[in-house]
Amino acid sequence: MGKIAFYVAIIVVTVSLIVGFSTGSFLKFISIGTFGGSIALILFLLNLLLHNQKMILAKLNKHEEMVKKLRNNIDCPNCHYKFNDMLTSCPHCGYRAK
């Protein structure tokens, strides 16, 4: 989606400049160019926002993997179900581990 927004923004700027130039009026050229530029700016910012969200999601996934590696698993003495040591009871049988 991000690359699509980027390319659409370039197309919008190009088309607005061509249409504005073809009107033959300087004021229409400026107004159409400003409108196209505004739309393109919004699309460029959308592209940047989507890129930043992808980067944040990648960092969160990496962080989650690291946290999973740091956690210890407990083997329930009652049913032998493996569960996280952060839990106070076995999610399978309800045995209180702590």
N, C-alpha and C. Protein backbone atom coordinates (compact mmCIF):
# COMPACT_ATOMS: atom_id res chain seq x y z
N MET A 1 0.82 -1.20 0.00
CA MET A 1 0.00 0.00 0.00
C MET A 1 0.86 1.25 0.00
N GLY A 2 1.99 1.21 0.68
CA GLY A 2 2.84 2.38 0.78
C GLY A 2 3.43 2.79 -0.56
N LYS A 3 3.90 1.80 -1.31
CA LYS A 3 4.49 2.11 -2.61
C LYS A 3 3.42 2.61 -3.58
N ILE A 4 2.22 2.08 -3.44
CA ILE A 4 1.12 2.52 -4.30
C ILE A 4 0.83 3.99 -4.05
N ALA A 5 0.78 4.39 -2.78
CA ALA A 5 0.52 5.79 -2.43
C ALA A 5 1.62 6.70 -2.98
N PHE A 6 2.86 6.23 -2.93
CA PHE A 6 3.98 7.01 -3.45
C PHE A 6 3.85 7.24 -4.95
N TYR A 7 3.57 6.17 -5.67
CA TYR A 7 3.46 6.29 -7.13
C TYR A 7 2.22 7.08 -7.55
N VAL A 8 1.14 6.91 -6.83
CA VAL A 8 -0.07 7.70 -7.13
C VAL A 8 0.21 9.18 -6.89
N ALA A 9 0.96 9.49 -5.84
CA ALA A 9 1.31 10.89 -5.56
C ALA A 9 2.11 11.50 -6.71
N ILE A 10 3.05 10.74 -7.23
CA ILE A 10 3.85 11.24 -8.37
C ILE A 10 2.95 11.45 -9.58
N ILE A 11 2.04 10.53 -9.82
CA ILE A 11 1.11 10.67 -10.95
C ILE A 11 0.21 11.89 -10.76
N VAL A 12 -0.27 12.11 -9.54
CA VAL A 12 -1.15 13.26 -9.26
C VAL A 12 -0.42 14.56 -9.52
N VAL A 13 0.82 14.67 -9.08
CA VAL A 13 1.59 15.90 -9.31
C VAL A 13 1.79 16.11 -10.81
N THR A 14 2.16 15.07 -11.52
CA THR A 14 2.39 15.19 -12.96
C THR A 14 1.12 15.59 -13.71
N VAL A 15 0.03 14.92 -13.41
CA VAL A 15 -1.23 15.22 -14.09
C VAL A 15 -1.70 16.63 -13.75
N SER A 16 -1.59 17.03 -12.49
CA SER A 16 -2.05 18.38 -12.12
C SER A 16 -1.22 19.45 -12.81
N LEU A 17 0.08 19.22 -12.96
CA LEU A 17 0.91 20.20 -13.67
C LEU A 17 0.58 20.25 -15.16
N ILE A 18 0.34 19.09 -15.75
CA ILE A 18 -0.01 19.07 -17.17
C ILE A 18 -1.37 19.73 -17.41
N VAL A 19 -2.36 19.38 -16.58
CA VAL A 19 -3.70 19.98 -16.73
C VAL A 19 -3.64 21.48 -16.46
N GLY A 20 -2.91 21.87 -15.44
CA GLY A 20 -2.79 23.30 -15.13
C GLY A 20 -2.11 24.07 -16.25
N PHE A 21 -1.08 23.48 -16.82
CA PHE A 21 -0.38 24.14 -17.92
C PHE A 21 -1.26 24.22 -19.17
N SER A 22 -2.06 23.19 -19.39
CA SER A 22 -2.88 23.17 -20.60
C SER A 22 -4.07 24.14 -20.54
N THR A 23 -4.38 24.67 -19.36
CA THR A 23 -5.48 25.63 -19.27
C THR A 23 -5.12 26.96 -19.91
N GLY A 24 -3.85 27.30 -19.93
CA GLY A 24 -3.41 28.55 -20.54
C GLY A 24 -3.52 29.75 -19.62
N SER A 25 -4.08 29.57 -18.44
CA SER A 25 -4.22 30.66 -17.48
C SER A 25 -3.27 30.40 -16.32
N PHE A 26 -2.54 31.45 -15.93
CA PHE A 26 -1.59 31.32 -14.82
C PHE A 26 -2.31 31.03 -13.51
N LEU A 27 -3.45 31.68 -13.26
CA LEU A 27 -4.18 31.44 -12.01
C LEU A 27 -4.72 30.02 -11.95
N LYS A 28 -5.22 29.50 -13.06
CA LYS A 28 -5.71 28.12 -13.08
C LYS A 28 -4.54 27.14 -12.90
N PHE A 29 -3.40 27.47 -13.51
CA PHE A 29 -2.21 26.64 -13.35
C PHE A 29 -1.81 26.57 -11.88
N ILE A 30 -1.79 27.72 -11.22
CA ILE A 30 -1.42 27.77 -9.80
C ILE A 30 -2.45 27.02 -8.95
N SER A 31 -3.74 27.24 -9.20
CA SER A 31 -4.76 26.60 -8.37
C SER A 31 -4.79 25.08 -8.57
N ILE A 32 -4.71 24.62 -9.81
CA ILE A 32 -4.69 23.18 -10.06
C ILE A 32 -3.39 22.56 -9.55
N GLY A 33 -2.30 23.26 -9.73
CA GLY A 33 -1.01 22.76 -9.22
C GLY A 33 -1.00 22.68 -7.70
N THR A 34 -1.60 23.67 -7.04
CA THR A 34 -1.68 23.65 -5.57
C THR A 34 -2.56 22.51 -5.10
N PHE A 35 -3.69 22.31 -5.77
CA PHE A 35 -4.57 21.21 -5.40
C PHE A 35 -3.87 19.87 -5.59
N GLY A 36 -3.23 19.67 -6.71
CA GLY A 36 -2.50 18.43 -6.97
C GLY A 36 -1.36 18.23 -5.99
N GLY A 37 -0.67 19.33 -5.70
CA GLY A 37 0.42 19.24 -4.73
C GLY A 37 -0.07 18.88 -3.34
N SER A 38 -1.23 19.40 -2.96
CA SER A 38 -1.80 19.08 -1.65
C SER A 38 -2.18 17.60 -1.56
N ILE A 39 -2.81 17.11 -2.60
CA ILE A 39 -3.19 15.69 -2.63
C ILE A 39 -1.92 14.83 -2.60
N ALA A 40 -0.92 15.22 -3.38
CA ALA A 40 0.33 14.46 -3.41
C ALA A 40 1.02 14.48 -2.05
N LEU A 41 1.00 15.61 -1.37
CA LEU A 41 1.60 15.71 -0.04
C LEU A 41 0.91 14.76 0.93
N ILE A 42 -0.40 14.71 0.87
CA ILE A 42 -1.14 13.79 1.74
C ILE A 42 -0.75 12.35 1.43
N LEU A 43 -0.62 12.01 0.16
CA LEU A 43 -0.23 10.65 -0.21
C LEU A 43 1.20 10.32 0.19
N PHE A 44 2.12 11.29 0.06
CA PHE A 44 3.49 11.08 0.51
C PHE A 44 3.54 10.85 2.02
N LEU A 45 2.74 11.63 2.76
CA LEU A 45 2.71 11.46 4.21
C LEU A 45 2.08 10.12 4.60
N LEU A 46 1.08 9.68 3.85
CA LEU A 46 0.48 8.37 4.08
C LEU A 46 1.52 7.28 3.86
N ASN A 47 2.31 7.42 2.81
CA ASN A 47 3.39 6.48 2.53
C ASN A 47 4.38 6.44 3.69
N LEU A 48 4.75 7.59 4.20
CA LEU A 48 5.69 7.66 5.33
C LEU A 48 5.09 7.03 6.58
N LEU A 49 3.82 7.30 6.83
CA LEU A 49 3.13 6.73 7.99
C LEU A 49 3.09 5.21 7.91
N LEU A 50 2.76 4.68 6.74
CA LEU A 50 2.71 3.23 6.57
C LEU A 50 4.08 2.59 6.75
N HIS A 51 5.11 3.27 6.25
CA HIS A 51 6.47 2.76 6.42
C HIS A 51 6.86 2.73 7.90
N ASN A 52 6.53 3.80 8.62
CA ASN A 52 6.84 3.85 10.05
C ASN A 52 6.09 2.78 10.83
N GLN A 53 4.84 2.52 10.46
CA GLN A 53 4.07 1.48 11.13
C GLN A 53 4.68 0.11 10.89
N LYS A 54 5.15 -0.15 9.69
CA LYS A 54 5.80 -1.43 9.41
C LYS A 54 7.06 -1.59 10.24
N MET A 55 7.82 -0.51 10.39
CA MET A 55 9.05 -0.57 11.18
C MET A 55 8.73 -0.83 12.66
N ILE A 56 7.72 -0.15 13.17
CA ILE A 56 7.32 -0.34 14.57
C ILE A 56 6.84 -1.76 14.79
N LEU A 57 6.05 -2.29 13.87
CA LEU A 57 5.55 -3.66 14.00
C LEU A 57 6.70 -4.67 13.97
N ALA A 58 7.68 -4.44 13.11
CA ALA A 58 8.84 -5.34 13.06
C ALA A 58 9.61 -5.32 14.37
N LYS A 59 9.79 -4.13 14.95
CA LYS A 59 10.48 -4.03 16.24
C LYS A 59 9.69 -4.68 17.36
N LEU A 60 8.37 -4.53 17.35
CA LEU A 60 7.53 -5.16 18.36
C LEU A 60 7.60 -6.69 18.25
N ASN A 61 7.58 -7.20 17.03
CA ASN A 61 7.69 -8.65 16.84
C ASN A 61 9.03 -9.17 17.33
N LYS A 62 10.09 -8.42 17.05
CA LYS A 62 11.42 -8.81 17.51
C LYS A 62 11.48 -8.79 19.03
N HIS A 63 10.90 -7.77 19.63
CA HIS A 63 10.87 -7.66 21.09
C HIS A 63 10.08 -8.82 21.70
N GLU A 64 8.96 -9.15 21.09
CA GLU A 64 8.13 -10.25 21.60
C GLU A 64 8.89 -11.58 21.54
N GLU A 65 9.65 -11.80 20.47
CA GLU A 65 10.45 -13.02 20.37
C GLU A 65 11.51 -13.06 21.46
N MET A 66 12.13 -11.92 21.75
CA MET A 66 13.15 -11.87 22.80
C MET A 66 12.53 -12.16 24.17
N VAL A 67 11.35 -11.62 24.42
CA VAL A 67 10.68 -11.84 25.69
C VAL A 67 10.31 -13.32 25.84
N LYS A 68 9.84 -13.95 24.76
CA LYS A 68 9.50 -15.36 24.80
C LYS A 68 10.72 -16.21 25.14
N LYS A 69 11.90 -15.83 24.63
CA LYS A 69 13.11 -16.57 24.92
C LYS A 69 13.52 -16.43 26.38
N LEU A 70 13.22 -15.26 26.97
CA LEU A 70 13.62 -15.02 28.36
C LEU A 70 12.71 -15.71 29.37
N ARG A 71 11.49 -15.95 29.00
CA ARG A 71 10.54 -16.58 29.92
C ARG A 71 10.87 -18.07 30.08
N ASN A 72 10.60 -18.56 31.28
CA ASN A 72 10.81 -19.97 31.56
C ASN A 72 9.48 -20.69 31.55
N ASN A 73 9.50 -21.91 31.12
CA ASN A 73 8.30 -22.74 31.15
C ASN A 73 8.35 -23.67 32.35
N ILE A 74 7.21 -23.87 32.96
CA ILE A 74 7.08 -24.76 34.11
C ILE A 74 6.32 -26.00 33.66
N ASP A 75 6.76 -27.14 34.14
CA ASP A 75 6.04 -28.39 33.88
C ASP A 75 5.13 -28.63 35.08
N CYS A 76 3.83 -28.65 34.84
CA CYS A 76 2.86 -28.83 35.91
C CYS A 76 3.06 -30.20 36.57
N PRO A 77 3.22 -30.21 37.90
CA PRO A 77 3.41 -31.50 38.57
C PRO A 77 2.15 -32.38 38.57
N ASN A 78 1.00 -31.76 38.31
CA ASN A 78 -0.26 -32.51 38.34
C ASN A 78 -0.56 -33.16 36.99
N CYS A 79 -0.51 -32.38 35.88
CA CYS A 79 -0.89 -32.91 34.56
C CYS A 79 0.25 -32.90 33.54
N HIS A 80 1.42 -32.36 33.93
CA HIS A 80 2.62 -32.29 33.10
C HIS A 80 2.44 -31.39 31.87
N TYR A 81 1.55 -30.41 31.98
CA TYR A 81 1.34 -29.41 30.92
C TYR A 81 2.39 -28.31 31.10
N LYS A 82 3.06 -27.92 30.03
CA LYS A 82 4.07 -26.86 30.12
C LYS A 82 3.37 -25.51 29.98
N PHE A 83 3.67 -24.59 30.92
CA PHE A 83 3.09 -23.26 30.86
C PHE A 83 4.10 -22.24 31.35
N ASN A 84 3.81 -20.98 31.10
CA ASN A 84 4.70 -19.86 31.41
C ASN A 84 4.83 -19.67 32.92
N ASP A 85 6.04 -19.33 33.36
CA ASP A 85 6.26 -19.12 34.80
C ASP A 85 5.62 -17.83 35.32
N MET A 86 5.11 -16.99 34.41
CA MET A 86 4.44 -15.77 34.84
C MET A 86 3.03 -16.08 35.38
N LEU A 87 2.48 -17.23 35.03
CA LEU A 87 1.15 -17.62 35.50
C LEU A 87 1.25 -18.22 36.90
N THR A 88 0.19 -18.05 37.68
CA THR A 88 0.20 -18.58 39.05
C THR A 88 -0.42 -19.97 39.13
N SER A 89 -1.14 -20.37 38.09
CA SER A 89 -1.73 -21.70 38.08
C SER A 89 -1.69 -22.28 36.67
N CYS A 90 -1.79 -23.58 36.60
CA CYS A 90 -1.76 -24.28 35.32
C CYS A 90 -3.04 -23.96 34.53
N PRO A 91 -2.91 -23.50 33.28
CA PRO A 91 -4.11 -23.19 32.51
C PRO A 91 -4.86 -24.45 32.06
N HIS A 92 -4.21 -25.61 32.16
CA HIS A 92 -4.84 -26.85 31.72
C HIS A 92 -5.69 -27.49 32.82
N CYS A 93 -5.10 -27.63 34.03
CA CYS A 93 -5.81 -28.32 35.09
C CYS A 93 -6.15 -27.43 36.29
N GLY A 94 -5.55 -26.25 36.36
CA GLY A 94 -5.86 -25.32 37.45
C GLY A 94 -4.98 -25.50 38.67
N TYR A 95 -4.00 -26.37 38.63
CA TYR A 95 -3.09 -26.60 39.76
C TYR A 95 -2.32 -25.32 40.08
N ARG A 96 -2.29 -24.96 41.35
CA ARG A 96 -1.57 -23.75 41.79
C ARG A 96 -0.08 -24.06 41.87
N ALA A 97 0.69 -23.37 41.03
CA ALA A 97 2.13 -23.60 40.98
C ALA A 97 2.88 -22.83 42.05
N LYS A 98 2.36 -21.72 42.46
CA LYS A 98 3.07 -20.87 43.44
C LYS A 98 2.25 -20.68 44.68
